[in-house]
């Protein structure tokens, strides 16, 4: 009898069936081949591949020698999706407050900070102060000068007339000054208050979840 038993391809005997085996054992060989193939290539559902394999021989051969290209159990990674992918579980231990990501050159997996970049996205109320130099006391001077009237007419009292051209002259009797005194205004100072509001700063973001490999 040239009918072997087994559940793997290595169980096959290439010389079976023999030429002397009865013809009615042919169906036994076919059933054995089918059961072994489905056991060796179970697919996602466990009943054999349901999708055609489109990888080329070169692509499959490129995997030769890779023994650790999978994620070990417990590996934590961020995902930009609503729920954990198949084979992963969402880790909510760091979800007490929204957090930003920080790249460090020391040990990873740390958390810190007290303000959420999403919930506390405002600029706090604050004050701008200013100061300057005082303007000291000073005066503006005005020397003697002359006013002219081009029209002929009577000379007002207290003024010297010029009959030749009808001009009224105010004659300087020396260098006179009219002083305007400016008192110091003191050192200027003050403050401007800026009130924070929710619209002051709204960072753009992508919601990420952290998942752990099962």
C-alpha atoms as a PDB file:
ATOM      1  CA  UNK A   1       0.000   0.000   0.000  1.00  0.00           C
ATOM      2  CA  UNK A   2       1.552   3.274  -1.105  1.00  0.00           C
ATOM      3  CA  UNK A   3      -0.610   5.606   1.005  1.00  0.00           C
ATOM      4  CA  UNK A   4       1.250   7.613   3.630  1.00  0.00           C
ATOM      5  CA  UNK A   5      -0.246   9.502   6.589  1.00  0.00           C
ATOM      6  CA  UNK A   6       0.666  12.889   7.963  1.00  0.00           C
ATOM      7  CA  UNK A   7      -0.385  16.546   8.309  1.00  0.00           C
ATOM      8  CA  UNK A   8       2.562  18.411   6.801  1.00  0.00           C
ATOM      9  CA  UNK A   9       4.118  18.593   3.370  1.00  0.00           C
ATOM     10  CA  UNK A  10       7.168  16.816   4.729  1.00  0.00           C
ATOM     11  CA  UNK A  11       4.956  13.777   5.281  1.00  0.00           C
ATOM     12  CA  UNK A  12       4.518  13.277   1.555  1.00  0.00           C
ATOM     13  CA  UNK A  13       6.425  10.426  -0.055  1.00  0.00           C
ATOM     14  CA  UNK A  14       7.240  11.387  -3.610  1.00  0.00           C
ATOM     15  CA  UNK A  15       7.216   7.769  -4.830  1.00  0.00           C
ATOM     16  CA  UNK A  16       3.569   7.288  -3.805  1.00  0.00           C
ATOM     17  CA  UNK A  17       1.299   6.083  -5.138  1.00  0.00           C
ATOM     18  CA  UNK A  18       3.164   3.139  -6.603  1.00  0.00           C
ATOM     19  CA  UNK A  19       2.240   1.587  -9.916  1.00  0.00           C
ATOM     20  CA  UNK A  20       0.933  -1.461  -8.081  1.00  0.00           C
ATOM     21  CA  UNK A  21      -1.435   0.468  -5.835  1.00  0.00           C
ATOM     22  CA  UNK A  22      -5.078  -0.120  -6.515  1.00  0.00           C
ATOM     23  CA  UNK A  23      -6.830   2.588  -8.486  1.00  0.00           C
ATOM     24  CA  UNK A  24      -9.476   3.045  -5.819  1.00  0.00           C
ATOM     25  CA  UNK A  25      -6.821   4.563  -3.498  1.00  0.00           C
ATOM     26  CA  UNK A  26      -6.504   7.575  -5.753  1.00  0.00           C
ATOM     27  CA  UNK A  27      -9.194   9.474  -3.894  1.00  0.00           C
ATOM     28  CA  UNK A  28      -7.367   8.800  -0.617  1.00  0.00           C
ATOM     29  CA  UNK A  29      -4.225  10.471  -1.997  1.00  0.00           C
ATOM     30  CA  UNK A  30      -6.210  13.516  -3.194  1.00  0.00           C
ATOM     31  CA  UNK A  31      -7.900  13.941   0.171  1.00  0.00           C
ATOM     32  CA  UNK A  32      -4.533  13.690   1.946  1.00  0.00           C
ATOM     33  CA  UNK A  33      -2.997  16.358  -0.287  1.00  0.00           C
ATOM     34  CA  UNK A  34      -5.950  18.716   0.269  1.00  0.00           C
ATOM     35  CA  UNK A  35      -5.938  18.304   4.044  1.00  0.00           C
ATOM     36  CA  UNK A  36      -2.189  18.906   4.270  1.00  0.00           C
ATOM     37  CA  UNK A  37      -2.324  22.044   2.108  1.00  0.00           C
ATOM     38  CA  UNK A  38      -5.138  23.558   4.158  1.00  0.00           C
ATOM     39  CA  UNK A  39      -3.283  22.708   7.377  1.00  0.00           C
ATOM     40  CA  UNK A  40      -0.036  24.251   6.126  1.00  0.00           C
ATOM     41  CA  UNK A  41      -1.710  27.362   4.663  1.00  0.00           C
ATOM     42  CA  UNK A  42      -4.652  28.019   6.986  1.00  0.00           C
ATOM     43  CA  UNK A  43      -5.166  31.673   6.109  1.00  0.00           C
ATOM     44  CA  UNK A  44      -6.924  34.200   8.348  1.00  0.00           C
ATOM     45  CA  UNK A  45     -10.043  32.092   8.812  1.00  0.00           C
ATOM     46  CA  UNK A  46      -8.158  28.834   9.422  1.00  0.00           C
ATOM     47  CA  UNK A  47      -9.730  27.027   6.484  1.00  0.00           C
ATOM     48  CA  UNK A  48      -7.202  27.865   3.783  1.00  0.00           C
ATOM     49  CA  UNK A  49      -6.229  30.977   1.851  1.00  0.00           C
ATOM     50  CA  UNK A  50      -9.292  32.951   0.792  1.00  0.00           C
ATOM     51  CA  UNK A  51      -7.294  35.587  -1.107  1.00  0.00           C
ATOM     52  CA  UNK A  52      -4.914  34.982  -3.957  1.00  0.00           C
ATOM     53  CA  UNK A  53      -1.232  35.484  -3.101  1.00  0.00           C
ATOM     54  CA  UNK A  54       0.131  38.143  -5.452  1.00  0.00           C
ATOM     55  CA  UNK A  55       3.671  38.412  -4.061  1.00  0.00           C
ATOM     56  CA  UNK A  56       6.335  37.451  -6.562  1.00  0.00           C
ATOM     57  CA  UNK A  57       8.996  34.846  -5.970  1.00  0.00           C
ATOM     58  CA  UNK A  58      11.559  37.603  -5.454  1.00  0.00           C
ATOM     59  CA  UNK A  59       9.362  39.349  -2.878  1.00  0.00           C
ATOM     60  CA  UNK A  60       8.816  36.146  -0.950  1.00  0.00           C
ATOM     61  CA  UNK A  61      12.512  35.249  -1.141  1.00  0.00           C
ATOM     62  CA  UNK A  62      13.360  38.682   0.238  1.00  0.00           C
ATOM     63  CA  UNK A  63      11.826  37.548   3.525  1.00  0.00           C
ATOM     64  CA  UNK A  64      14.318  34.705   3.804  1.00  0.00           C
ATOM     65  CA  UNK A  65      16.394  35.005   6.958  1.00  0.00           C
ATOM     66  CA  UNK A  66      14.080  37.459   8.681  1.00  0.00           C
ATOM     67  CA  UNK A  67      13.224  36.019  12.046  1.00  0.00           C
ATOM     68  CA  UNK A  68      12.279  39.158  14.041  1.00  0.00           C
ATOM     69  CA  UNK A  69      10.378  41.448  11.700  1.00  0.00           C
ATOM     70  CA  UNK A  70       7.254  41.373  13.847  1.00  0.00           C
ATOM     71  CA  UNK A  71       6.369  43.505  16.892  1.00  0.00           C
ATOM     72  CA  UNK A  72       6.975  41.794  20.195  1.00  0.00           C
ATOM     73  CA  UNK A  73       4.138  41.589  22.693  1.00  0.00           C
ATOM     74  CA  UNK A  74       3.974  44.748  24.803  1.00  0.00           C
ATOM     75  CA  UNK A  75       5.358  47.043  22.111  1.00  0.00           C
ATOM     76  CA  UNK A  76       3.660  50.467  22.392  1.00  0.00           C
ATOM     77  CA  UNK A  77       3.081  52.675  19.372  1.00  0.00           C
ATOM     78  CA  UNK A  78       0.932  55.707  18.440  1.00  0.00           C
ATOM     79  CA  UNK A  79      -1.775  55.286  15.816  1.00  0.00           C
ATOM     80  CA  UNK A  80      -3.699  58.028  13.992  1.00  0.00           C
ATOM     81  CA  UNK A  81      -7.035  56.234  13.996  1.00  0.00           C
ATOM     82  CA  UNK A  82     -10.148  55.938  16.123  1.00  0.00           C
ATOM     83  CA  UNK A  83      -9.508  52.484  17.606  1.00  0.00           C
ATOM     84  CA  UNK A  84      -6.717  49.969  18.044  1.00  0.00           C
ATOM     85  CA  UNK A  85      -5.823  47.852  14.983  1.00  0.00           C
ATOM     86  CA  UNK A  86      -6.181  44.091  15.017  1.00  0.00           C
ATOM     87  CA  UNK A  87      -3.725  42.506  17.408  1.00  0.00           C
ATOM     88  CA  UNK A  88      -3.304  45.684  19.462  1.00  0.00           C
ATOM     89  CA  UNK A  89      -5.014  47.083  22.577  1.00  0.00           C
ATOM     90  CA  UNK A  90      -5.402  50.775  23.291  1.00  0.00           C
ATOM     91  CA  UNK A  91      -3.351  51.892  26.301  1.00  0.00           C
ATOM     92  CA  UNK A  92      -5.217  54.625  28.184  1.00  0.00           C
ATOM     93  CA  UNK A  93      -2.805  54.954  31.111  1.00  0.00           C
ATOM     94  CA  UNK A  94      -1.469  58.305  29.796  1.00  0.00           C
ATOM     95  CA  UNK A  95      -4.822  59.769  28.795  1.00  0.00           C
ATOM     96  CA  UNK A  96      -5.490  61.748  31.991  1.00  0.00           C
ATOM     97  CA  UNK A  97      -4.872  64.943  30.002  1.00  0.00           C
ATOM     98  CA  UNK A  98      -4.136  65.641  26.377  1.00  0.00           C
ATOM     99  CA  UNK A  99      -0.416  65.583  25.721  1.00  0.00           C
ATOM    100  CA  UNK A 100       2.008  66.562  23.002  1.00  0.00           C
ATOM    101  CA  UNK A 101       4.788  64.227  21.837  1.00  0.00           C
ATOM    102  CA  UNK A 102       8.377  64.924  22.889  1.00  0.00           C
ATOM    103  CA  UNK A 103      11.487  63.307  21.392  1.00  0.00           C
ATOM    104  CA  UNK A 104      14.186  62.651  24.001  1.00  0.00           C
ATOM    105  CA  UNK A 105      17.726  61.295  23.925  1.00  0.00           C
ATOM    106  CA  UNK A 106      17.278  59.528  27.268  1.00  0.00           C
ATOM    107  CA  UNK A 107      14.946  56.772  28.445  1.00  0.00           C
ATOM    108  CA  UNK A 108      11.569  56.960  26.744  1.00  0.00           C
ATOM    109  CA  UNK A 109       8.022  56.327  27.967  1.00  0.00           C
ATOM    110  CA  UNK A 110       8.117  59.268  30.386  1.00  0.00           C
ATOM    111  CA  UNK A 111       5.290  61.725  31.009  1.00  0.00           C
ATOM    112  CA  UNK A 112       5.328  65.213  32.482  1.00  0.00           C
ATOM    113  CA  UNK A 113       4.055  68.751  32.338  1.00  0.00           C
ATOM    114  CA  UNK A 114       0.962  70.256  33.902  1.00  0.00           C
ATOM    115  CA  UNK A 115      -0.788  72.120  31.072  1.00  0.00           C
ATOM    116  CA  UNK A 116      -2.742  70.532  28.275  1.00  0.00           C
ATOM    117  CA  UNK A 117      -1.975  71.980  24.810  1.00  0.00           C
ATOM    118  CA  UNK A 118      -5.602  71.402  23.823  1.00  0.00           C
ATOM    119  CA  UNK A 119      -7.623  72.270  26.921  1.00  0.00           C
ATOM    120  CA  UNK A 120      -5.435  75.184  28.045  1.00  0.00           C
ATOM    121  CA  UNK A 121      -4.942  76.745  24.637  1.00  0.00           C
ATOM    122  CA  UNK A 122      -5.139  80.362  25.827  1.00  0.00           C
ATOM    123  CA  UNK A 123      -2.647  83.131  26.481  1.00  0.00           C
ATOM    124  CA  UNK A 124      -2.897  84.095  30.136  1.00  0.00           C
ATOM    125  CA  UNK A 125      -3.841  87.631  31.150  1.00  0.00           C
ATOM    126  CA  UNK A 126      -0.684  89.693  31.434  1.00  0.00           C
ATOM    127  CA  UNK A 127       0.594  93.286  31.661  1.00  0.00           C
ATOM    128  CA  UNK A 128       3.033  95.264  29.531  1.00  0.00           C
ATOM    129  CA  UNK A 129       4.814  98.099  31.426  1.00  0.00           C
ATOM    130  CA  UNK A 130       6.675 101.081  30.025  1.00  0.00           C
ATOM    131  CA  UNK A 131       8.764 103.949  31.385  1.00  0.00           C
ATOM    132  CA  UNK A 132      10.770 106.874  29.963  1.00  0.00           C
ATOM    133  CA  UNK A 133      12.947 109.899  30.757  1.00  0.00           C
ATOM    134  CA  UNK A 134      11.443 112.960  32.469  1.00  0.00           C
ATOM    135  CA  UNK A 135      11.102 116.235  30.462  1.00  0.00           C
ATOM    136  CA  UNK A 136      12.868 118.907  32.524  1.00  0.00           C
ATOM    137  CA  UNK A 137      11.782 122.518  33.043  1.00  0.00           C
ATOM    138  CA  UNK A 138      12.617 124.750  30.039  1.00  0.00           C
ATOM    139  CA  UNK A 139      11.752 128.109  28.393  1.00  0.00           C
ATOM    140  CA  UNK A 140      10.933 129.464  24.937  1.00  0.00           C
ATOM    141  CA  UNK A 141      12.447 132.911  24.083  1.00  0.00           C
ATOM    142  CA  UNK A 142      11.195 135.639  21.759  1.00  0.00           C
ATOM    143  CA  UNK A 143      13.455 138.619  20.711  1.00  0.00           C
ATOM    144  CA  UNK A 144      12.256 142.162  19.763  1.00  0.00           C
ATOM    145  CA  UNK A 145      10.283 142.285  16.519  1.00  0.00           C
ATOM    146  CA  UNK A 146       8.239 144.609  14.233  1.00  0.00           C
ATOM    147  CA  UNK A 147       4.603 144.541  13.117  1.00  0.00           C
ATOM    148  CA  UNK A 148       3.608 146.476   9.942  1.00  0.00           C
ATOM    149  CA  UNK A 149       0.277 147.933   8.840  1.00  0.00           C
ATOM    150  CA  UNK A 150       0.082 148.730   5.146  1.00  0.00           C
ATOM    151  CA  UNK A 151      -2.976 150.999   5.433  1.00  0.00           C
ATOM    152  CA  UNK A 152      -2.827 154.801   6.052  1.00  0.00           C
ATOM    153  CA  UNK A 153      -4.636 155.946   9.132  1.00  0.00           C
ATOM    154  CA  UNK A 154      -4.456 157.277  12.616  1.00  0.00           C
ATOM    155  CA  UNK A 155      -1.625 156.105  14.768  1.00  0.00           C
ATOM    156  CA  UNK A 156      -2.928 154.344  17.897  1.00  0.00           C
ATOM    157  CA  UNK A 157      -1.806 155.623  21.255  1.00  0.00           C
ATOM    158  CA  UNK A 158       1.427 154.107  22.500  1.00  0.00           C
ATOM    159  CA  UNK A 159       2.782 153.277  19.030  1.00  0.00           C
ATOM    160  CA  UNK A 160       5.201 155.162  16.797  1.00  0.00           C
ATOM    161  CA  UNK A 161       3.803 156.096  13.394  1.00  0.00           C
ATOM    162  CA  UNK A 162       5.629 156.337  10.079  1.00  0.00           C
ATOM    163  CA  UNK A 163       3.881 158.942   7.940  1.00  0.00           C
ATOM    164  CA  UNK A 164       5.898 158.156   4.840  1.00  0.00           C
ATOM    165  CA  UNK A 165       4.280 154.835   4.122  1.00  0.00           C
ATOM    166  CA  UNK A 166       1.396 154.635   6.595  1.00  0.00           C
ATOM    167  CA  UNK A 167       3.186 151.942   8.551  1.00  0.00           C
ATOM    168  CA  UNK A 168       2.845 151.441  12.302  1.00  0.00           C
ATOM    169  CA  UNK A 169       6.177 150.390  13.733  1.00  0.00           C
ATOM    170  CA  UNK A 170       6.897 148.721  17.034  1.00  0.00           C
ATOM    171  CA  UNK A 171      10.491 149.596  17.616  1.00  0.00           C
ATOM    172  CA  UNK A 172      12.646 147.330  19.727  1.00  0.00           C
ATOM    173  CA  UNK A 173      14.516 149.235  22.373  1.00  0.00           C
ATOM    174  CA  UNK A 174      16.831 146.344  22.952  1.00  0.00           C
ATOM    175  CA  UNK A 175      16.739 142.638  22.921  1.00  0.00           C
ATOM    176  CA  UNK A 176      13.659 141.633  24.850  1.00  0.00           C
ATOM    177  CA  UNK A 177      12.550 138.152  25.753  1.00  0.00           C
ATOM    178  CA  UNK A 178       9.196 136.694  26.550  1.00  0.00           C
ATOM    179  CA  UNK A 179       9.804 133.539  28.500  1.00  0.00           C
ATOM    180  CA  UNK A 180       7.326 130.678  28.559  1.00  0.00           C
ATOM    181  CA  UNK A 181       8.193 128.339  31.354  1.00  0.00           C
ATOM    182  CA  UNK A 182       7.511 124.596  31.056  1.00  0.00           C
ATOM    183  CA  UNK A 183       7.407 122.643  34.287  1.00  0.00           C
ATOM    184  CA  UNK A 184       8.697 119.074  34.387  1.00  0.00           C
ATOM    185  CA  UNK A 185       5.972 116.532  33.750  1.00  0.00           C
ATOM    186  CA  UNK A 186       7.783 113.879  35.752  1.00  0.00           C
ATOM    187  CA  UNK A 187       8.836 110.424  34.577  1.00  0.00           C
ATOM    188  CA  UNK A 188       6.163 108.872  32.339  1.00  0.00           C
ATOM    189  CA  UNK A 189       5.100 105.343  33.170  1.00  0.00           C
ATOM    190  CA  UNK A 190       2.058 103.112  32.967  1.00  0.00           C
ATOM    191  CA  UNK A 191       0.776  99.693  31.994  1.00  0.00           C
ATOM    192  CA  UNK A 192      -1.422  98.025  29.391  1.00  0.00           C
ATOM    193  CA  UNK A 193      -3.312  94.910  30.413  1.00  0.00           C
ATOM    194  CA  UNK A 194      -4.005  92.182  27.860  1.00  0.00           C
ATOM    195  CA  UNK A 195      -6.730  89.733  28.780  1.00  0.00           C
ATOM    196  CA  UNK A 196      -6.347  86.174  27.499  1.00  0.00           C
ATOM    197  CA  UNK A 197      -9.187  84.455  25.702  1.00  0.00           C
ATOM    198  CA  UNK A 198      -9.882  81.067  24.176  1.00  0.00           C
ATOM    199  CA  UNK A 199      -9.299  82.441  20.685  1.00  0.00           C
ATOM    200  CA  UNK A 200      -5.772  83.682  21.379  1.00  0.00           C
ATOM    201  CA  UNK A 201      -3.996  80.457  20.397  1.00  0.00           C
ATOM    202  CA  UNK A 202      -5.499  77.271  18.978  1.00  0.00           C
ATOM    203  CA  UNK A 203      -2.834  74.790  17.837  1.00  0.00           C
ATOM    204  CA  UNK A 204      -3.591  72.415  14.981  1.00  0.00           C
ATOM    205  CA  UNK A 205      -3.360  68.776  15.982  1.00  0.00           C
ATOM    206  CA  UNK A 206      -4.100  65.169  15.048  1.00  0.00           C
ATOM    207  CA  UNK A 207      -5.724  62.901  17.618  1.00  0.00           C
ATOM    208  CA  UNK A 208      -3.446  59.918  18.232  1.00  0.00           C
ATOM    209  CA  UNK A 209      -4.014  56.836  20.366  1.00  0.00           C
ATOM    210  CA  UNK A 210      -1.276  54.749  21.987  1.00  0.00           C
ATOM    211  CA  UNK A 211      -1.686  50.987  21.620  1.00  0.00           C
ATOM    212  CA  UNK A 212       0.159  47.993  23.004  1.00  0.00           C
ATOM    213  CA  UNK A 213       0.837  44.845  20.977  1.00  0.00           C
ATOM    214  CA  UNK A 214      -1.079  41.857  22.285  1.00  0.00           C
END
